[in-house]
Amino acid sequence: LTAERLARVEAGEAALRRIWNVRQLRLRDRFPLARLEVPPDEIVRLAAPDLRAAAVEALRELGYREITLDLEGYRMGSWNDELA
């Protein structure tokens, strides 16, 4: 984990919280890929065209080129599952 990577994640999560008005989310950084996790009950709302476009624009400004939404939703420790 580098300072640059941490700053990019913090900036991305802050932007998404403003755009989506959601408190719980995680941006998993696999630069240039961003994988987003939000509560499962928010997935449909956040996939609306206007909210989706605003999120993509904000993350592209940070350098992300691929942006995905994890359909399992936010779950604590999911990064550990990926490493296993």
PDB file of N, CA and C in Angstrom:
ATOM      1  N   LEU A   1       0.853  -1.180   0.000  1.00  0.00           N
ATOM      2  CA  LEU A   1       0.000   0.000   0.000  1.00  0.00           C
ATOM      3  C   LEU A   1       0.889   1.231   0.000  1.00  0.00           C
ATOM      4  N   THR A   2       0.687   2.089  -0.951  1.00  0.00           N
ATOM      5  CA  THR A   2       1.481   3.305  -1.050  1.00  0.00           C
ATOM      6  C   THR A   2       0.629   4.508  -0.639  1.00  0.00           C
ATOM      7  N   ALA A   3       1.297   5.603  -0.339  1.00  0.00           N
ATOM      8  CA  ALA A   3       0.586   6.833   0.001  1.00  0.00           C
ATOM      9  C   ALA A   3      -0.270   7.296  -1.178  1.00  0.00           C
ATOM     10  N   GLU A   4       0.253   7.139  -2.400  1.00  0.00           N
ATOM     11  CA  GLU A   4      -0.491   7.539  -3.595  1.00  0.00           C
ATOM     12  C   GLU A   4      -1.772   6.711  -3.738  1.00  0.00           C
ATOM     13  N   ARG A   5      -1.655   5.418  -3.541  1.00  0.00           N
ATOM     14  CA  ARG A   5      -2.809   4.526  -3.666  1.00  0.00           C
ATOM     15  C   ARG A   5      -3.853   4.841  -2.591  1.00  0.00           C
ATOM     16  N   LEU A   6      -3.398   5.040  -1.364  1.00  0.00           N
ATOM     17  CA  LEU A   6      -4.306   5.357  -0.272  1.00  0.00           C
ATOM     18  C   LEU A   6      -5.026   6.683  -0.535  1.00  0.00           C
ATOM     19  N   ALA A   7      -4.307   7.674  -1.014  1.00  0.00           N
ATOM     20  CA  ALA A   7      -4.919   8.970  -1.325  1.00  0.00           C
ATOM     21  C   ALA A   7      -5.958   8.833  -2.433  1.00  0.00           C
ATOM     22  N   ARG A   8      -5.665   8.005  -3.431  1.00  0.00           N
ATOM     23  CA  ARG A   8      -6.599   7.791  -4.542  1.00  0.00           C
ATOM     24  C   ARG A   8      -7.883   7.124  -4.035  1.00  0.00           C
ATOM     25  N   VAL A   9      -7.748   6.131  -3.171  1.00  0.00           N
ATOM     26  CA  VAL A   9      -8.914   5.445  -2.613  1.00  0.00           C
ATOM     27  C   VAL A   9      -9.735   6.412  -1.753  1.00  0.00           C
ATOM     28  N   GLU A  10      -9.068   7.169  -0.903  1.00  0.00           N
ATOM     29  CA  GLU A  10      -9.783   8.120  -0.042  1.00  0.00           C
ATOM     30  C   GLU A  10     -10.529   9.161  -0.877  1.00  0.00           C
ATOM     31  N   ALA A  11      -9.885   9.671  -1.914  1.00  0.00           N
ATOM     32  CA  ALA A  11     -10.532  10.657  -2.783  1.00  0.00           C
ATOM     33  C   ALA A  11     -11.720  10.039  -3.514  1.00  0.00           C
ATOM     34  N   GLY A  12     -11.551   8.821  -3.994  1.00  0.00           N
ATOM     35  CA  GLY A  12     -12.639   8.142  -4.695  1.00  0.00           C
ATOM     36  C   GLY A  12     -13.822   7.859  -3.787  1.00  0.00           C
ATOM     37  N   GLU A  13     -13.561   7.358  -2.583  1.00  0.00           N
ATOM     38  CA  GLU A  13     -14.651   7.077  -1.647  1.00  0.00           C
ATOM     39  C   GLU A  13     -15.365   8.359  -1.234  1.00  0.00           C
ATOM     40  N   ALA A  14     -14.624   9.438  -1.023  1.00  0.00           N
ATOM     41  CA  ALA A  14     -15.248  10.709  -0.653  1.00  0.00           C
ATOM     42  C   ALA A  14     -16.153  11.210  -1.783  1.00  0.00           C
ATOM     43  N   ALA A  15     -15.682  11.124  -3.017  1.00  0.00           N
ATOM     44  CA  ALA A  15     -16.487  11.557  -4.162  1.00  0.00           C
ATOM     45  C   ALA A  15     -17.755  10.722  -4.281  1.00  0.00           C
ATOM     46  N   LEU A  16     -17.625   9.413  -4.122  1.00  0.00           N
ATOM     47  CA  LEU A  16     -18.793   8.542  -4.250  1.00  0.00           C
ATOM     48  C   LEU A  16     -19.802   8.786  -3.129  1.00  0.00           C
ATOM     49  N   ARG A  17     -19.323   9.052  -1.931  1.00  0.00           N
ATOM     50  CA  ARG A  17     -20.247   9.357  -0.832  1.00  0.00           C
ATOM     51  C   ARG A  17     -21.057  10.618  -1.144  1.00  0.00           C
ATOM     52  N   ARG A  18     -20.398  11.627  -1.718  1.00  0.00           N
ATOM     53  CA  ARG A  18     -21.110  12.865  -2.085  1.00  0.00           C
ATOM     54  C   ARG A  18     -22.111  12.602  -3.207  1.00  0.00           C
ATOM     55  N   ILE A  19     -21.686  11.900  -4.222  1.00  0.00           N
ATOM     56  CA  ILE A  19     -22.535  11.662  -5.396  1.00  0.00           C
ATOM     57  C   ILE A  19     -23.706  10.754  -5.057  1.00  0.00           C
ATOM     58  N   TRP A  20     -23.423   9.679  -4.363  1.00  0.00           N
ATOM     59  CA  TRP A  20     -24.433   8.656  -4.107  1.00  0.00           C
ATOM     60  C   TRP A  20     -25.203   8.851  -2.807  1.00  0.00           C
ATOM     61  N   ASN A  21     -24.719   9.723  -1.933  1.00  0.00           N
ATOM     62  CA  ASN A  21     -25.355   9.924  -0.638  1.00  0.00           C
ATOM     63  C   ASN A  21     -25.524   8.599   0.106  1.00  0.00           C
ATOM     64  N   VAL A  22     -24.422   7.891   0.204  1.00  0.00           N
ATOM     65  CA  VAL A  22     -24.399   6.607   0.898  1.00  0.00           C
ATOM     66  C   VAL A  22     -23.238   6.634   1.880  1.00  0.00           C
ATOM     67  N   ARG A  23     -23.445   6.087   3.056  1.00  0.00           N
ATOM     68  CA  ARG A  23     -22.400   6.133   4.073  1.00  0.00           C
ATOM     69  C   ARG A  23     -21.439   4.953   3.968  1.00  0.00           C
ATOM     70  N   GLN A  24     -21.977   3.793   3.665  1.00  0.00           N
ATOM     71  CA  GLN A  24     -21.134   2.596   3.658  1.00  0.00           C
ATOM     72  C   GLN A  24     -20.788   2.206   2.228  1.00  0.00           C
ATOM     73  N   LEU A  25     -19.501   2.217   1.939  1.00  0.00           N
ATOM     74  CA  LEU A  25     -19.020   1.748   0.643  1.00  0.00           C
ATOM     75  C   LEU A  25     -17.531   1.494   0.754  1.00  0.00           C
ATOM     76  N   ARG A  26     -17.041   0.700  -0.158  1.00  0.00           N
ATOM     77  CA  ARG A  26     -15.604   0.463  -0.258  1.00  0.00           C
ATOM     78  C   ARG A  26     -15.204   0.544  -1.712  1.00  0.00           C
ATOM     79  N   LEU A  27     -14.091   1.219  -1.944  1.00  0.00           N
ATOM     80  CA  LEU A  27     -13.467   1.239  -3.249  1.00  0.00           C
ATOM     81  C   LEU A  27     -12.244   0.345  -3.120  1.00  0.00           C
ATOM     82  N   ARG A  28     -12.251  -0.764  -3.827  1.00  0.00           N
ATOM     83  CA  ARG A  28     -11.111  -1.690  -3.828  1.00  0.00           C
ATOM     84  C   ARG A  28     -10.234  -1.310  -5.022  1.00  0.00           C
ATOM     85  N   ASP A  29      -9.012  -0.944  -4.724  1.00  0.00           N
ATOM     86  CA  ASP A  29      -8.103  -0.405  -5.733  1.00  0.00           C
ATOM     87  C   ASP A  29      -7.237  -1.502  -6.335  1.00  0.00           C
ATOM     88  N   ARG A  30      -7.456  -1.739  -7.606  1.00  0.00           N
ATOM     89  CA  ARG A  30      -6.581  -2.598  -8.410  1.00  0.00           C
ATOM     90  C   ARG A  30      -6.210  -1.792  -9.643  1.00  0.00           C
ATOM     91  N   PHE A  31      -5.665  -0.636  -9.373  1.00  0.00           N
ATOM     92  CA  PHE A  31      -5.414   0.373 -10.392  1.00  0.00           C
ATOM     93  C   PHE A  31      -4.819  -0.238 -11.655  1.00  0.00           C
ATOM     94  N   PRO A  32      -5.415   0.077 -12.788  1.00  0.00           N
ATOM     95  CA  PRO A  32      -6.405   1.093 -13.086  1.00  0.00           C
ATOM     96  C   PRO A  32      -7.858   0.621 -12.957  1.00  0.00           C
ATOM     97  N   LEU A  33      -8.101  -0.478 -12.234  1.00  0.00           N
ATOM     98  CA  LEU A  33      -9.456  -0.974 -12.009  1.00  0.00           C
ATOM     99  C   LEU A  33      -9.915  -0.560 -10.621  1.00  0.00           C
ATOM    100  N   ALA A  34     -11.143  -0.079 -10.523  1.00  0.00           N
ATOM    101  CA  ALA A  34     -11.775   0.228  -9.246  1.00  0.00           C
ATOM    102  C   ALA A  34     -12.958  -0.713  -9.087  1.00  0.00           C
ATOM    103  N   ARG A  35     -12.965  -1.459  -7.979  1.00  0.00           N
ATOM    104  CA  ARG A  35     -14.113  -2.338  -7.694  1.00  0.00           C
ATOM    105  C   ARG A  35     -14.870  -1.741  -6.522  1.00  0.00           C
ATOM    106  N   LEU A  36     -16.141  -1.479  -6.732  1.00  0.00           N
ATOM    107  CA  LEU A  36     -16.956  -0.810  -5.727  1.00  0.00           C
ATOM    108  C   LEU A  36     -17.847  -1.803  -5.009  1.00  0.00           C
ATOM    109  N   GLU A  37     -17.923  -1.656  -3.699  1.00  0.00           N
ATOM    110  CA  GLU A  37     -18.822  -2.450  -2.874  1.00  0.00           C
ATOM    111  C   GLU A  37     -19.728  -1.490  -2.117  1.00  0.00           C
ATOM    112  N   VAL A  38     -21.027  -1.723  -2.224  1.00  0.00           N
ATOM    113  CA  VAL A  38     -22.033  -0.938  -1.512  1.00  0.00           C
ATOM    114  C   VAL A  38     -23.005  -1.923  -0.873  1.00  0.00           C
ATOM    115  N   PRO A  39     -23.820  -1.476   0.081  1.00  0.00           N
ATOM    116  CA  PRO A  39     -24.809  -2.391   0.650  1.00  0.00           C
ATOM    117  C   PRO A  39     -25.690  -2.980  -0.447  1.00  0.00           C
ATOM    118  N   PRO A  40     -25.994  -4.277  -0.375  1.00  0.00           N
ATOM    119  CA  PRO A  40     -26.791  -4.917  -1.429  1.00  0.00           C
ATOM    120  C   PRO A  40     -28.113  -4.216  -1.720  1.00  0.00           C
ATOM    121  N   ASP A  41     -28.750  -3.667  -0.699  1.00  0.00           N
ATOM    122  CA  ASP A  41     -30.038  -3.017  -0.929  1.00  0.00           C
ATOM    123  C   ASP A  41     -29.909  -1.664  -1.631  1.00  0.00           C
ATOM    124  N   GLU A  42     -28.685  -1.185  -1.861  1.00  0.00           N
ATOM    125  CA  GLU A  42     -28.455   0.078  -2.566  1.00  0.00           C
ATOM    126  C   GLU A  42     -28.056  -0.123  -4.031  1.00  0.00           C
ATOM    127  N   ILE A  43     -27.761  -1.351  -4.424  1.00  0.00           N
ATOM    128  CA  ILE A  43     -27.217  -1.600  -5.757  1.00  0.00           C
ATOM    129  C   ILE A  43     -28.133  -1.096  -6.862  1.00  0.00           C
ATOM    130  N   VAL A  44     -29.398  -1.391  -6.805  1.00  0.00           N
ATOM    131  CA  VAL A  44     -30.320  -0.979  -7.873  1.00  0.00           C
ATOM    132  C   VAL A  44     -30.390   0.540  -7.964  1.00  0.00           C
ATOM    133  N   ARG A  45     -30.505   1.227  -6.849  1.00  0.00           N
ATOM    134  CA  ARG A  45     -30.593   2.690  -6.859  1.00  0.00           C
ATOM    135  C   ARG A  45     -29.335   3.313  -7.451  1.00  0.00           C
ATOM    136  N   LEU A  46     -28.164   2.803  -7.056  1.00  0.00           N
ATOM    137  CA  LEU A  46     -26.910   3.399  -7.482  1.00  0.00           C
ATOM    138  C   LEU A  46     -26.560   3.090  -8.933  1.00  0.00           C
ATOM    139  N   ALA A  47     -27.237   2.110  -9.510  1.00  0.00           N
ATOM    140  CA  ALA A  47     -27.002   1.785 -10.918  1.00  0.00           C
ATOM    141  C   ALA A  47     -27.864   2.626 -11.858  1.00  0.00           C
ATOM    142  N   ALA A  48     -28.652   3.545 -11.312  1.00  0.00           N
ATOM    143  CA  ALA A  48     -29.453   4.443 -12.151  1.00  0.00           C
ATOM    144  C   ALA A  48     -28.504   5.239 -13.054  1.00  0.00           C
ATOM    145  N   PRO A  49     -28.901   5.489 -14.301  1.00  0.00           N
ATOM    146  CA  PRO A  49     -27.995   6.121 -15.263  1.00  0.00           C
ATOM    147  C   PRO A  49     -27.312   7.400 -14.783  1.00  0.00           C
ATOM    148  N   ASP A  50     -28.034   8.308 -14.149  1.00  0.00           N
ATOM    149  CA  ASP A  50     -27.412   9.576 -13.749  1.00  0.00           C
ATOM    150  C   ASP A  50     -26.399   9.378 -12.627  1.00  0.00           C
ATOM    151  N   LEU A  51     -26.718   8.542 -11.650  1.00  0.00           N
ATOM    152  CA  LEU A  51     -25.783   8.281 -10.551  1.00  0.00           C
ATOM    153  C   LEU A  51     -24.573   7.494 -11.040  1.00  0.00           C
ATOM    154  N   ARG A  52     -24.819   6.551 -11.925  1.00  0.00           N
ATOM    155  CA  ARG A  52     -23.730   5.747 -12.480  1.00  0.00           C
ATOM    156  C   ARG A  52     -22.765   6.617 -13.288  1.00  0.00           C
ATOM    157  N   ALA A  53     -23.309   7.490 -14.119  1.00  0.00           N
ATOM    158  CA  ALA A  53     -22.468   8.356 -14.951  1.00  0.00           C
ATOM    159  C   ALA A  53     -21.631   9.304 -14.094  1.00  0.00           C
ATOM    160  N   ALA A  54     -22.212   9.851 -13.044  1.00  0.00           N
ATOM    161  CA  ALA A  54     -21.467  10.766 -12.175  1.00  0.00           C
ATOM    162  C   ALA A  54     -20.336  10.031 -11.453  1.00  0.00           C
ATOM    163  N   ALA A  55     -20.592   8.804 -11.031  1.00  0.00           N
ATOM    164  CA  ALA A  55     -19.556   8.008 -10.352  1.00  0.00           C
ATOM    165  C   ALA A  55     -18.417   7.683 -11.317  1.00  0.00           C
ATOM    166  N   VAL A  56     -18.763   7.283 -12.518  1.00  0.00           N
ATOM    167  CA  VAL A  56     -17.738   6.964 -13.517  1.00  0.00           C
ATOM    168  C   VAL A  56     -16.882   8.191 -13.807  1.00  0.00           C
ATOM    169  N   GLU A  57     -17.503   9.330 -13.987  1.00  0.00           N
ATOM    170  CA  GLU A  57     -16.756  10.556 -14.274  1.00  0.00           C
ATOM    171  C   GLU A  57     -15.784  10.892 -13.138  1.00  0.00           C
ATOM    172  N   ALA A  58     -16.256  10.800 -11.900  1.00  0.00           N
ATOM    173  CA  ALA A  58     -15.398  11.121 -10.749  1.00  0.00           C
ATOM    174  C   ALA A  58     -14.214  10.162 -10.655  1.00  0.00           C
ATOM    175  N   LEU A  59     -14.448   8.885 -10.896  1.00  0.00           N
ATOM    176  CA  LEU A  59     -13.369   7.907 -10.780  1.00  0.00           C
ATOM    177  C   LEU A  59     -12.405   7.984 -11.958  1.00  0.00           C
ATOM    178  N   ARG A  60     -12.899   8.311 -13.119  1.00  0.00           N
ATOM    179  CA  ARG A  60     -11.995   8.502 -14.273  1.00  0.00           C
ATOM    180  C   ARG A  60     -11.063   9.688 -14.039  1.00  0.00           C
ATOM    181  N   GLU A  61     -11.560  10.721 -13.374  1.00  0.00           N
ATOM    182  CA  GLU A  61     -10.715  11.875 -13.056  1.00  0.00           C
ATOM    183  C   GLU A  61      -9.551  11.479 -12.144  1.00  0.00           C
ATOM    184  N   LEU A  62      -9.721  10.392 -11.381  1.00  0.00           N
ATOM    185  CA  LEU A  62      -8.654   9.889 -10.508  1.00  0.00           C
ATOM    186  C   LEU A  62      -7.743   8.898 -11.224  1.00  0.00           C
ATOM    187  N   GLY A  63      -8.053   8.608 -12.506  1.00  0.00           N
ATOM    188  CA  GLY A  63      -7.198   7.741 -13.295  1.00  0.00           C
ATOM    189  C   GLY A  63      -7.707   6.329 -13.496  1.00  0.00           C
ATOM    190  N   TYR A  64      -8.823   5.986 -12.872  1.00  0.00           N
ATOM    191  CA  TYR A  64      -9.366   4.638 -13.066  1.00  0.00           C
ATOM    192  C   TYR A  64      -9.903   4.505 -14.482  1.00  0.00           C
ATOM    193  N   ARG A  65      -9.649   3.384 -15.115  1.00  0.00           N
ATOM    194  CA  ARG A  65     -10.110   3.140 -16.486  1.00  0.00           C
ATOM    195  C   ARG A  65     -11.185   2.062 -16.543  1.00  0.00           C
ATOM    196  N   GLU A  66     -11.235   1.207 -15.549  1.00  0.00           N
ATOM    197  CA  GLU A  66     -12.284   0.192 -15.457  1.00  0.00           C
ATOM    198  C   GLU A  66     -12.926   0.336 -14.089  1.00  0.00           C
ATOM    199  N   ILE A  67     -14.261   0.374 -14.076  1.00  0.00           N
ATOM    200  CA  ILE A  67     -14.988   0.575 -12.827  1.00  0.00           C
ATOM    201  C   ILE A  67     -16.069  -0.489 -12.762  1.00  0.00           C
ATOM    202  N   THR A  68     -16.020  -1.288 -11.699  1.00  0.00           N
ATOM    203  CA  THR A  68     -16.985  -2.372 -11.558  1.00  0.00           C
ATOM    204  C   THR A  68     -17.734  -2.228 -10.244  1.00  0.00           C
ATOM    205  N   LEU A  69     -18.944  -2.761 -10.220  1.00  0.00           N
ATOM    206  CA  LEU A  69     -19.772  -2.783  -9.020  1.00  0.00           C
ATOM    207  C   LEU A  69     -19.948  -4.239  -8.618  1.00  0.00           C
ATOM    208  N   ASP A  70     -19.479  -4.583  -7.435  1.00  0.00           N
ATOM    209  CA  ASP A  70     -19.560  -5.954  -6.937  1.00  0.00           C
ATOM    210  C   ASP A  70     -21.024  -6.278  -6.616  1.00  0.00           C
ATOM    211  N   LEU A  71     -21.602  -7.221  -7.331  1.00  0.00           N
ATOM    212  CA  LEU A  71     -23.015  -7.553  -7.170  1.00  0.00           C
ATOM    213  C   LEU A  71     -23.323  -8.301  -5.876  1.00  0.00           C
ATOM    214  N   GLU A  72     -22.301  -8.769  -5.172  1.00  0.00           N
ATOM    215  CA  GLU A  72     -22.530  -9.355  -3.850  1.00  0.00           C
ATOM    216  C   GLU A  72     -22.713  -8.266  -2.801  1.00  0.00           C
ATOM    217  N   GLY A  73     -22.294  -7.060  -3.121  1.00  0.00           N
ATOM    218  CA  GLY A  73     -22.445  -5.950  -2.197  1.00  0.00           C
ATOM    219  C   GLY A  73     -21.316  -5.888  -1.182  1.00  0.00           C
ATOM    220  N   TYR A  74     -21.383  -4.843  -0.355  1.00  0.00           N
ATOM    221  CA  TYR A  74     -20.359  -4.629   0.659  1.00  0.00           C
ATOM    222  C   TYR A  74     -20.390  -5.748   1.683  1.00  0.00           C
ATOM    223  N   ARG A  75     -19.201  -6.259   1.980  1.00  0.00           N
ATOM    224  CA  ARG A  75     -19.057  -7.229   3.061  1.00  0.00           C
ATOM    225  C   ARG A  75     -17.671  -7.071   3.644  1.00  0.00           C
ATOM    226  N   MET A  76     -17.630  -6.953   4.941  1.00  0.00           N
ATOM    227  CA  MET A  76     -16.370  -6.758   5.625  1.00  0.00           C
ATOM    228  C   MET A  76     -15.435  -7.949   5.369  1.00  0.00           C
ATOM    229  N   GLY A  77     -14.190  -7.654   5.042  1.00  0.00           N
ATOM    230  CA  GLY A  77     -13.214  -8.698   4.842  1.00  0.00           C
ATOM    231  C   GLY A  77     -13.180  -9.293   3.445  1.00  0.00           C
ATOM    232  N   SER A  78     -13.918  -8.736   2.508  1.00  0.00           N
ATOM    233  CA  SER A  78     -13.953  -9.325   1.165  1.00  0.00           C
ATOM    234  C   SER A  78     -12.583  -9.280   0.503  1.00  0.00           C
ATOM    235  N   TRP A  79     -11.775  -8.302   0.843  1.00  0.00           N
ATOM    236  CA  TRP A  79     -10.410  -8.216   0.283  1.00  0.00           C
ATOM    237  C   TRP A  79      -9.633  -9.454   0.675  1.00  0.00           C
ATOM    238  N   ASN A  80      -9.831  -9.937   1.894  1.00  0.00           N
ATOM    239  CA  ASN A  80      -9.160 -11.143   2.351  1.00  0.00           C
ATOM    240  C   ASN A  80      -9.595 -12.367   1.543  1.00  0.00           C
ATOM    241  N   ASP A  81     -10.867 -12.422   1.150  1.00  0.00           N
ATOM    242  CA  ASP A  81     -11.351 -13.532   0.322  1.00  0.00           C
ATOM    243  C   ASP A  81     -10.603 -13.564  -0.995  1.00  0.00           C
ATOM    244  N   GLU A  82     -10.342 -12.390  -1.569  1.00  0.00           N
ATOM    245  CA  GLU A  82      -9.639 -12.321  -2.846  1.00  0.00           C
ATOM    246  C   GLU A  82      -8.204 -12.801  -2.734  1.00  0.00           C
ATOM    247  N   LEU A  83      -7.594 -12.553  -1.595  1.00  0.00           N
ATOM    248  CA  LEU A  83      -6.193 -12.921  -1.411  1.00  0.00           C
ATOM    249  C   LEU A  83      -6.009 -14.412  -1.164  1.00  0.00           C
ATOM    250  N   ALA A  84      -7.062 -15.081  -0.713  1.00  0.00           N
ATOM    251  CA  ALA A  84      -6.973 -16.506  -0.375  1.00  0.00           C
ATOM    252  C   ALA A  84      -6.903 -17.379  -1.610  1.00  0.00           C
TER     253      ALA A  84
END
